[in-house]
Amino acid sequence: MHESSYLLGRVALSIFSKTGHQVLEVGSRQAPNDDGTSPLSLRDFCPEAVTYVGLDQQEGPGVDVIGSSHEMPFEPGSFDLVLSTSAF
């Protein structure tokens, strides 16, 4: 994840996530960084009282549910906040 996407997601979580909320990150897989450092994750900023779900098309770190953003495997209205900062 690019640092600017990470910072944007951090700000969004700090403003919009509230106790008891359900948060979905679309494109949540944490790809390895080219320089060998640990990948960044928006999950790091999610308050404990918020349920955070990571959706991606590929299995990997940061992914809770494998699926497409075009046909999400969730009922409408399941999430209070949906983030997508680095999806390709």
C-alpha atoms as a PDB file:
ATOM      1  CA  MET A   1       0.000   0.000   0.000  1.00  0.00           C
ATOM      2  CA  HIS A   2       1.320   3.399  -0.928  1.00  0.00           C
ATOM      3  CA  GLU A   3       1.928   5.682   2.050  1.00  0.00           C
ATOM      4  CA  SER A   4      -0.615   8.284   0.858  1.00  0.00           C
ATOM      5  CA  SER A   5      -3.327   5.600   0.686  1.00  0.00           C
ATOM      6  CA  TYR A   6      -2.364   4.456   4.159  1.00  0.00           C
ATOM      7  CA  LEU A   7      -2.659   7.983   5.546  1.00  0.00           C
ATOM      8  CA  LEU A   8      -5.989   8.589   3.790  1.00  0.00           C
ATOM      9  CA  GLY A   9      -7.403   5.359   5.211  1.00  0.00           C
ATOM     10  CA  ARG A  10      -6.118   6.248   8.662  1.00  0.00           C
ATOM     11  CA  VAL A  11      -7.904   9.606   8.558  1.00  0.00           C
ATOM     12  CA  ALA A  12     -11.134   8.015   7.273  1.00  0.00           C
ATOM     13  CA  LEU A  13     -11.100   5.436  10.068  1.00  0.00           C
ATOM     14  CA  SER A  14     -10.441   8.066  12.728  1.00  0.00           C
ATOM     15  CA  ILE A  15     -13.346  10.213  11.533  1.00  0.00           C
ATOM     16  CA  PHE A  16     -15.965   7.702  10.457  1.00  0.00           C
ATOM     17  CA  SER A  17     -15.506   4.482  12.463  1.00  0.00           C
ATOM     18  CA  LYS A  18     -17.518   4.385  15.671  1.00  0.00           C
ATOM     19  CA  THR A  19     -17.990   1.833  18.436  1.00  0.00           C
ATOM     20  CA  GLY A  20     -20.002  -1.116  17.154  1.00  0.00           C
ATOM     21  CA  HIS A  21     -19.513  -0.253  13.475  1.00  0.00           C
ATOM     22  CA  GLN A  22     -18.760  -2.793  10.768  1.00  0.00           C
ATOM     23  CA  VAL A  23     -15.930  -1.700   8.433  1.00  0.00           C
ATOM     24  CA  LEU A  24     -15.115  -3.308   5.077  1.00  0.00           C
ATOM     25  CA  GLU A  25     -11.837  -2.784   3.246  1.00  0.00           C
ATOM     26  CA  VAL A  26     -12.048  -3.743  -0.435  1.00  0.00           C
ATOM     27  CA  GLY A  27      -8.651  -4.755  -1.784  1.00  0.00           C
ATOM     28  CA  SER A  28      -7.229  -5.636   1.625  1.00  0.00           C
ATOM     29  CA  ARG A  29      -4.451  -8.092   0.705  1.00  0.00           C
ATOM     30  CA  GLN A  30      -1.119  -6.897   2.043  1.00  0.00           C
ATOM     31  CA  ALA A  31       1.369  -7.361  -0.771  1.00  0.00           C
ATOM     32  CA  PRO A  32       5.057  -7.566   0.169  1.00  0.00           C
ATOM     33  CA  ASN A  33       6.995  -4.321  -0.154  1.00  0.00           C
ATOM     34  CA  ASP A  34       9.825  -4.138  -2.682  1.00  0.00           C
ATOM     35  CA  ASP A  35      12.262  -2.964  -0.010  1.00  0.00           C
ATOM     36  CA  GLY A  36      11.582  -5.906   2.315  1.00  0.00           C
ATOM     37  CA  THR A  37       9.723  -3.889   4.955  1.00  0.00           C
ATOM     38  CA  SER A  38       6.443  -5.123   6.404  1.00  0.00           C
ATOM     39  CA  PRO A  39       3.354  -4.211   4.387  1.00  0.00           C
ATOM     40  CA  LEU A  40       1.117  -1.478   5.762  1.00  0.00           C
ATOM     41  CA  SER A  41      -2.408  -2.325   6.925  1.00  0.00           C
ATOM     42  CA  LEU A  42      -5.365  -0.069   7.670  1.00  0.00           C
ATOM     43  CA  ARG A  43      -6.431  -2.687  10.205  1.00  0.00           C
ATOM     44  CA  ASP A  44      -3.693  -1.246  12.437  1.00  0.00           C
ATOM     45  CA  PHE A  45      -5.848   1.854  12.995  1.00  0.00           C
ATOM     46  CA  CYS A  46      -9.196   0.185  13.501  1.00  0.00           C
ATOM     47  CA  PRO A  47     -10.504   0.656  17.042  1.00  0.00           C
ATOM     48  CA  GLU A  48     -11.022  -2.576  18.991  1.00  0.00           C
ATOM     49  CA  ALA A  49     -14.767  -1.912  19.300  1.00  0.00           C
ATOM     50  CA  VAL A  50     -15.118  -1.960  15.487  1.00  0.00           C
ATOM     51  CA  THR A  51     -15.432  -5.110  13.385  1.00  0.00           C
ATOM     52  CA  TYR A  52     -12.981  -4.912  10.477  1.00  0.00           C
ATOM     53  CA  VAL A  53     -13.386  -7.197   7.455  1.00  0.00           C
ATOM     54  CA  GLY A  54     -10.861  -7.382   4.609  1.00  0.00           C
ATOM     55  CA  LEU A  55     -12.137  -8.453   1.160  1.00  0.00           C
ATOM     56  CA  ASP A  56      -9.821  -9.332  -1.711  1.00  0.00           C
ATOM     57  CA  GLN A  57      -9.798 -11.517  -4.818  1.00  0.00           C
ATOM     58  CA  GLN A  58      -6.650 -13.283  -3.615  1.00  0.00           C
ATOM     59  CA  GLU A  59      -5.879 -15.106  -0.400  1.00  0.00           C
ATOM     60  CA  GLY A  60      -3.160 -13.562   1.714  1.00  0.00           C
ATOM     61  CA  PRO A  61      -2.315 -11.452   4.749  1.00  0.00           C
ATOM     62  CA  GLY A  62      -5.083  -8.980   5.595  1.00  0.00           C
ATOM     63  CA  VAL A  63      -7.786 -10.968   3.792  1.00  0.00           C
ATOM     64  CA  ASP A  64     -10.766 -12.266   5.771  1.00  0.00           C
ATOM     65  CA  VAL A  65     -13.077 -12.967   2.830  1.00  0.00           C
ATOM     66  CA  ILE A  66     -12.085 -13.938  -0.711  1.00  0.00           C
ATOM     67  CA  GLY A  67     -14.419 -12.486  -3.303  1.00  0.00           C
ATOM     68  CA  SER A  68     -15.018  -9.918  -6.000  1.00  0.00           C
ATOM     69  CA  SER A  69     -15.823  -6.271  -5.409  1.00  0.00           C
ATOM     70  CA  HIS A  70     -18.306  -6.604  -8.284  1.00  0.00           C
ATOM     71  CA  GLU A  71     -20.302  -9.339  -6.558  1.00  0.00           C
ATOM     72  CA  MET A  72     -19.676  -8.923  -2.852  1.00  0.00           C
ATOM     73  CA  PRO A  73     -20.726 -11.851  -0.691  1.00  0.00           C
ATOM     74  CA  PHE A  74     -22.529  -9.641   1.852  1.00  0.00           C
ATOM     75  CA  GLU A  75     -26.097  -8.495   2.369  1.00  0.00           C
ATOM     76  CA  PRO A  76     -26.806  -4.861   1.421  1.00  0.00           C
ATOM     77  CA  GLY A  77     -26.313  -2.548   4.382  1.00  0.00           C
ATOM     78  CA  SER A  78     -23.947  -4.936   6.202  1.00  0.00           C
ATOM     79  CA  PHE A  79     -21.261  -2.277   6.706  1.00  0.00           C
ATOM     80  CA  ASP A  80     -21.202   1.217   8.151  1.00  0.00           C
ATOM     81  CA  LEU A  81     -18.002   2.183   6.334  1.00  0.00           C
ATOM     82  CA  VAL A  82     -16.440   0.795   3.157  1.00  0.00           C
ATOM     83  CA  LEU A  83     -12.843   1.695   2.261  1.00  0.00           C
ATOM     84  CA  SER A  84     -10.841   1.013  -0.860  1.00  0.00           C
ATOM     85  CA  THR A  85      -7.540   2.836  -1.019  1.00  0.00           C
ATOM     86  CA  SER A  86      -5.254   0.596  -3.083  1.00  0.00           C
ATOM     87  CA  ALA A  87      -7.306  -1.813  -5.169  1.00  0.00           C
ATOM     88  CA  PHE A  88      -6.252  -2.678  -8.721  1.00  0.00           C
END
